[in-house]
Amino acid sequence: MRCPALNKPTDPDAAVRAYYDQNTAHFSRLGSSAKVRSIHRALWPPGVSTRDQALNVSNELVLQALLPLASAPGAAACRLVDLGCGLGGTLFFVLEHFPGAVHGVGLTLSPVQARLAREYLDGYAGKISAVILTANYLAPPLAPGLDAAYEIEAFTHASDPSKFFAETARHLRLGGRLVMVDDFLADARPPADLNHRQWLHAYRRGWRVPSLHTLDWVRAEAHNHGLALVQEYSLSPWLHYRTLPGRITNWVLRVGFDLSINDPIWPSMLGSLALQHCLQAGLVEYRLLVFEKQA
């Protein structure tokens, strides 16, 4: 009698891992710079005039949100984690500019990103204290008692968003902070407009973002895990948009995913095009959220 084949367990994060393994070189070349080494979006508030400055704005925002930890009474060496560190650009920026003793850990699903981030870290020659791990932030290989955690455009990749908050809260000490810079749905209801629904679908598909939630959902889920919102504001006005006319975009998206283009960057480009329209139409908001662990 032949035994039935056992179903192999599936890895819900495999698609995100492959996405970054295959595309990080493209992202680094097209969307970053050798100096900044971040692969998140550029922001252009008043006074910012160069791309390097624009790429560093979100890094500076994260740093500013963490500064109260340095001035807390009896503060010792700060321990922080970058949840989805990419090439390590934000982590290295924060560690360079944090006023006081600090040790950082960068987590990334992608072995390619981890290798490149370690190579960049070697260039600091011991000037900062950091380690880069190939690991999932839903099961971080870290001891509890962290002072801070942050993510930039990584939460939307979470295969289990509730677990993201549960694990982050479990690893933070009382008074510790979680900083999020990410996309959030403006409305939980599906858009009435067909074009809007297509844009959201293309963004989710092209960028591998299963965890696109409303701000209300995120605030409530964080609160359920003892994380109180202490700061929030919109970053969408500081984005620069490059879009095609809506009619052309709809045709590109309709045809693009079916084309036999053997390049892993192609779906990401389609997702980026769709996201631009989602942001301009107000379907998606790019925001900064700062939470503090209070229970």
Protein backbone atom coordinates (compact mmCIF):
# COMPACT_ATOMS: atom_id res chain seq x y z
CA MET A 1 0.00 0.00 0.00
CA ARG A 2 1.44 3.33 -1.07
CA CYS A 3 1.46 6.01 1.59
CA PRO A 4 -0.13 9.28 0.53
CA ALA A 5 2.33 12.06 -0.14
CA LEU A 6 2.51 14.62 2.61
CA ASN A 7 1.83 18.20 1.65
CA LYS A 8 4.99 20.21 2.02
CA PRO A 9 4.56 23.24 4.30
CA THR A 10 4.44 26.45 2.33
CA ASP A 11 6.47 29.51 3.24
CA PRO A 12 4.14 32.52 3.16
CA ASP A 13 7.14 34.84 2.94
CA ALA A 14 8.87 33.06 0.07
CA ALA A 15 7.48 35.44 -2.55
CA VAL A 16 8.76 38.50 -0.66
CA ARG A 17 12.17 36.88 -0.17
CA ALA A 18 12.45 36.09 -3.88
CA TYR A 19 11.20 39.56 -4.79
CA TYR A 20 14.09 41.22 -2.92
CA ASP A 21 16.70 38.62 -3.83
CA GLN A 22 15.92 39.20 -7.50
CA ASN A 23 15.35 42.96 -7.47
CA THR A 24 17.62 44.53 -4.85
CA ALA A 25 20.34 45.27 -7.41
CA HIS A 26 17.75 47.06 -9.57
CA PHE A 27 16.37 49.00 -6.60
CA SER A 28 19.83 50.03 -5.49
CA ARG A 29 20.84 51.18 -8.96
CA LEU A 30 17.61 52.93 -9.95
CA GLY A 31 16.16 54.22 -6.70
CA SER A 32 19.02 54.84 -4.32
CA SER A 33 22.54 56.26 -4.25
CA ALA A 34 25.97 54.99 -3.24
CA LYS A 35 26.03 57.48 -0.38
CA VAL A 36 22.59 56.87 1.16
CA ARG A 37 22.16 53.13 0.44
CA SER A 38 18.45 53.18 1.25
CA ILE A 39 15.89 51.69 -1.12
CA HIS A 40 12.81 53.44 0.20
CA ARG A 41 10.99 56.44 -1.24
CA ALA A 42 12.48 59.91 -1.49
CA LEU A 43 10.65 62.70 0.35
CA TRP A 44 10.80 66.35 -0.64
CA PRO A 45 9.75 68.66 2.22
CA PRO A 46 10.54 72.39 1.94
CA GLY A 47 14.29 73.00 1.88
CA VAL A 48 15.26 69.65 0.36
CA SER A 49 16.90 70.12 -3.04
CA THR A 50 18.99 67.01 -3.80
CA ARG A 51 18.07 63.36 -4.18
CA ASP A 52 20.48 62.26 -1.45
CA GLN A 53 18.78 64.69 0.93
CA ALA A 54 15.35 63.43 -0.13
CA LEU A 55 16.34 59.80 0.43
CA ASN A 56 17.58 60.67 3.92
CA VAL A 57 14.39 62.45 5.05
CA SER A 58 12.70 59.26 6.29
CA ASN A 59 15.95 58.23 7.98
CA GLU A 60 16.00 61.56 9.80
CA LEU A 61 12.34 61.16 10.79
CA VAL A 62 13.07 57.78 12.34
CA LEU A 63 16.06 59.21 14.19
CA GLN A 64 14.02 62.12 15.56
CA ALA A 65 11.33 59.72 16.80
CA LEU A 66 13.96 57.73 18.71
CA LEU A 67 15.81 60.67 20.29
CA PRO A 68 13.62 60.74 23.46
CA LEU A 69 15.07 57.33 24.30
CA ALA A 70 18.56 58.84 24.53
CA SER A 71 17.51 61.52 27.00
CA ALA A 72 15.43 59.27 29.28
CA PRO A 73 16.55 59.29 32.95
CA GLY A 74 19.07 56.56 33.60
CA ALA A 75 19.27 55.67 29.91
CA ALA A 76 21.89 53.04 29.19
CA ALA A 77 23.10 51.82 25.80
CA CYS A 78 20.11 51.82 23.47
CA ARG A 79 19.20 48.56 21.73
CA LEU A 80 17.20 48.87 18.54
CA VAL A 81 16.11 46.73 15.60
CA ASP A 82 15.39 47.57 11.98
CA LEU A 83 12.47 45.38 10.89
CA GLY A 84 13.24 44.85 7.22
CA CYS A 85 16.60 46.59 6.98
CA GLY A 86 17.22 46.18 3.26
CA LEU A 87 20.77 47.31 2.51
CA GLY A 88 21.14 48.78 5.99
CA GLY A 89 21.05 52.43 4.93
CA THR A 90 18.58 53.57 7.57
CA LEU A 91 20.17 51.46 10.31
CA PHE A 92 23.63 52.85 9.64
CA PHE A 93 22.29 56.42 9.47
CA VAL A 94 20.52 56.08 12.83
CA LEU A 95 23.53 54.49 14.50
CA GLU A 96 25.87 57.18 13.15
CA HIS A 97 23.73 60.06 14.41
CA PHE A 98 22.22 58.69 17.64
CA PRO A 99 23.50 60.76 20.60
CA GLY A 100 24.75 58.09 22.95
CA ALA A 101 25.73 54.45 23.13
CA VAL A 102 23.62 52.35 20.79
CA HIS A 103 23.62 48.89 19.26
CA GLY A 104 21.51 48.00 16.25
CA VAL A 105 20.25 44.81 14.63
CA GLY A 106 19.05 44.67 11.05
CA LEU A 107 16.64 41.92 9.99
CA THR A 108 15.92 41.02 6.38
CA LEU A 109 14.31 38.01 4.74
CA SER A 110 16.68 38.34 1.79
CA PRO A 111 20.10 36.64 1.94
CA VAL A 112 21.17 38.91 -0.92
CA GLN A 113 20.33 42.03 1.07
CA ALA A 114 21.96 40.65 4.20
CA ARG A 115 25.21 39.96 2.35
CA LEU A 116 25.32 43.43 0.80
CA ALA A 117 24.44 45.10 4.12
CA ARG A 118 27.28 43.24 5.86
CA GLU A 119 29.68 44.38 3.16
CA TYR A 120 28.61 47.99 3.76
CA LEU A 121 28.94 47.47 7.51
CA ASP A 122 32.53 46.29 7.07
CA GLY A 123 33.31 49.73 5.66
CA TYR A 124 32.52 51.36 9.00
CA ALA A 125 35.55 49.63 10.54
CA GLY A 126 34.03 49.35 14.00
CA LYS A 127 32.72 52.93 14.14
CA ILE A 128 29.18 51.66 14.79
CA SER A 129 27.88 48.63 16.68
CA ALA A 130 25.56 46.55 14.52
CA VAL A 131 24.76 43.08 13.27
CA ILE A 132 22.79 42.06 10.17
CA LEU A 133 20.70 38.88 10.33
CA THR A 134 18.83 36.95 7.66
CA ALA A 135 15.65 36.52 9.67
CA ASN A 136 11.90 37.08 9.68
CA TYR A 137 10.62 39.94 11.84
CA LEU A 138 7.57 37.78 12.62
CA ALA A 139 9.92 35.48 14.55
CA PRO A 140 12.88 37.71 15.47
CA PRO A 141 15.87 35.85 16.98
CA LEU A 142 16.28 38.53 19.63
CA ALA A 143 16.08 38.79 23.39
CA PRO A 144 13.22 40.87 24.85
CA GLY A 145 13.91 44.28 26.33
CA LEU A 146 14.61 46.25 23.15
CA ASP A 147 14.41 50.03 23.39
CA ALA A 148 13.16 50.60 19.86
CA ALA A 149 12.01 49.00 16.64
CA TYR A 150 11.22 50.64 13.34
CA GLU A 151 10.25 49.75 9.80
CA ILE A 152 10.18 51.63 6.51
CA GLU A 153 7.96 50.12 3.80
CA ALA A 154 8.27 46.66 5.35
CA PHE A 155 5.04 46.19 7.33
CA THR A 156 2.99 45.91 4.14
CA HIS A 157 4.97 42.75 3.29
CA ALA A 158 3.90 41.02 6.52
CA SER A 159 2.21 37.68 5.93
CA ASP A 160 0.62 37.99 9.40
CA PRO A 161 0.14 41.66 10.38
CA SER A 162 -1.32 40.85 13.79
CA LYS A 163 1.77 38.80 14.60
CA PHE A 164 3.93 41.75 13.54
CA PHE A 165 2.48 43.82 16.39
CA ALA A 166 2.44 40.91 18.84
CA GLU A 167 6.11 40.07 18.29
CA THR A 168 7.28 43.67 18.21
CA ALA A 169 5.44 44.49 21.44
CA ARG A 170 6.77 41.34 23.09
CA HIS A 171 10.35 42.36 22.36
CA LEU A 172 10.04 46.00 23.42
CA ARG A 173 10.57 47.13 26.99
CA LEU A 174 8.02 49.36 28.71
CA GLY A 175 8.47 52.82 27.26
CA GLY A 176 10.11 51.39 24.15
CA ARG A 177 9.09 52.78 20.76
CA LEU A 178 7.90 51.40 17.43
CA VAL A 179 8.23 53.71 14.41
CA MET A 180 6.41 52.92 11.17
CA VAL A 181 6.85 54.66 7.82
CA ASP A 182 4.55 52.95 5.37
CA ASP A 183 1.46 52.84 3.16
CA PHE A 184 -2.02 52.60 4.66
CA LEU A 185 -5.43 52.21 3.09
CA ALA A 186 -7.60 55.30 3.26
CA ASP A 187 -10.81 53.20 3.37
CA ALA A 188 -11.42 49.56 4.24
CA ARG A 189 -14.26 49.32 1.73
CA PRO A 190 -13.38 48.37 -1.87
CA PRO A 191 -13.42 51.47 -4.08
CA ALA A 192 -16.57 51.98 -6.09
CA ASP A 193 -14.55 53.07 -9.11
CA LEU A 194 -13.32 50.13 -11.22
CA ASN A 195 -10.07 51.91 -12.12
CA HIS A 196 -9.31 52.47 -8.44
CA ARG A 197 -9.88 48.79 -7.69
CA GLN A 198 -7.54 47.82 -10.52
CA TRP A 199 -4.83 50.18 -9.29
CA LEU A 200 -4.98 48.78 -5.76
CA HIS A 201 -4.87 45.21 -7.05
CA ALA A 202 -1.88 45.98 -9.29
CA TYR A 203 -0.03 47.67 -6.42
CA ARG A 204 -0.60 44.71 -4.10
CA ARG A 205 0.38 42.20 -6.77
CA GLY A 206 3.40 44.01 -8.17
CA TRP A 207 4.95 44.99 -4.84
CA ARG A 208 4.01 41.85 -2.86
CA VAL A 209 2.01 43.72 -0.22
CA PRO A 210 -0.56 41.44 1.48
CA SER A 211 -0.82 43.70 4.56
CA LEU A 212 -2.35 46.88 3.23
CA HIS A 213 -4.59 48.04 6.10
CA THR A 214 -6.35 51.19 7.21
CA LEU A 215 -4.91 53.49 9.83
CA ASP A 216 -7.86 52.66 12.09
CA TRP A 217 -7.04 48.94 11.87
CA VAL A 218 -3.35 49.54 12.57
CA ARG A 219 -4.02 51.85 15.52
CA ALA A 220 -6.46 49.34 17.02
CA GLU A 221 -4.20 46.34 16.49
CA ALA A 222 -1.24 48.15 18.04
CA HIS A 223 -3.41 49.20 21.00
CA ASN A 224 -4.45 45.56 21.50
CA HIS A 225 -0.80 44.75 22.12
CA GLY A 226 -0.10 47.61 24.52
CA LEU A 227 1.30 50.04 21.95
CA ALA A 228 -0.10 53.56 22.28
CA LEU A 229 0.07 56.00 19.39
CA VAL A 230 2.08 59.09 20.40
CA GLN A 231 2.79 60.70 17.02
CA GLU A 232 1.35 60.58 13.51
CA TYR A 233 1.47 62.66 10.36
CA SER A 234 1.11 62.33 6.62
CA LEU A 235 4.16 62.12 4.37
CA SER A 236 2.15 61.94 1.14
CA PRO A 237 2.47 65.70 0.43
CA TRP A 238 6.26 65.29 0.32
CA LEU A 239 6.21 62.66 -2.45
CA HIS A 240 6.93 63.48 -6.09
CA TYR A 241 4.63 61.71 -8.53
CA ARG A 242 5.41 60.46 -12.02
CA THR A 243 2.26 59.09 -13.60
CA LEU A 244 0.85 58.34 -17.01
CA PRO A 245 -2.67 59.43 -17.95
CA GLY A 246 -5.18 57.13 -16.27
CA ARG A 247 -6.39 55.59 -19.52
CA ILE A 248 -2.86 54.64 -20.57
CA THR A 249 -2.09 53.32 -17.07
CA ASN A 250 -5.14 51.08 -17.14
CA TRP A 251 -4.07 49.63 -20.50
CA VAL A 252 -0.48 49.08 -19.31
CA LEU A 253 -1.66 47.32 -16.16
CA ARG A 254 -4.20 45.22 -18.01
CA VAL A 255 -1.62 44.01 -20.53
CA GLY A 256 1.58 44.24 -18.51
CA PHE A 257 1.13 41.36 -16.08
CA ASP A 258 0.34 39.00 -18.99
CA LEU A 259 3.38 39.89 -21.06
CA SER A 260 6.18 37.34 -21.18
CA ILE A 261 8.86 39.73 -19.99
CA ASN A 262 11.57 37.64 -18.36
CA ASP A 263 12.72 40.27 -15.89
CA PRO A 264 11.73 40.22 -12.20
CA ILE A 265 11.72 44.03 -12.04
CA TRP A 266 8.79 44.26 -14.46
CA PRO A 267 5.99 43.42 -11.95
CA SER A 268 7.54 45.88 -9.50
CA MET A 269 7.50 48.61 -12.13
CA LEU A 270 3.82 47.93 -12.78
CA GLY A 271 3.16 48.00 -9.04
CA SER A 272 4.99 51.30 -8.74
CA LEU A 273 2.93 52.82 -11.56
CA ALA A 274 -0.26 51.69 -9.84
CA LEU A 275 0.88 52.99 -6.45
CA GLN A 276 1.50 56.45 -7.88
CA HIS A 277 -2.13 56.62 -8.97
CA CYS A 278 -3.34 55.16 -5.65
CA LEU A 279 -1.50 57.87 -3.73
CA GLN A 280 -2.68 60.70 -5.98
CA ALA A 281 -6.27 59.45 -5.85
CA GLY A 282 -6.14 59.30 -2.03
CA LEU A 283 -6.69 55.53 -1.95
CA VAL A 284 -3.40 55.02 -0.11
CA GLU A 285 -1.67 57.28 2.41
CA TYR A 286 2.05 57.34 3.14
CA ARG A 287 2.41 58.06 6.87
CA LEU A 288 4.69 58.14 9.87
CA LEU A 289 3.35 56.49 13.04
CA VAL A 290 5.13 56.37 16.40
CA PHE A 291 3.94 54.02 19.13
CA GLU A 292 5.11 53.61 22.71
CA LYS A 293 4.78 50.45 24.75
CA GLN A 294 2.66 51.17 27.78
CA ALA A 295 1.48 47.76 28.89
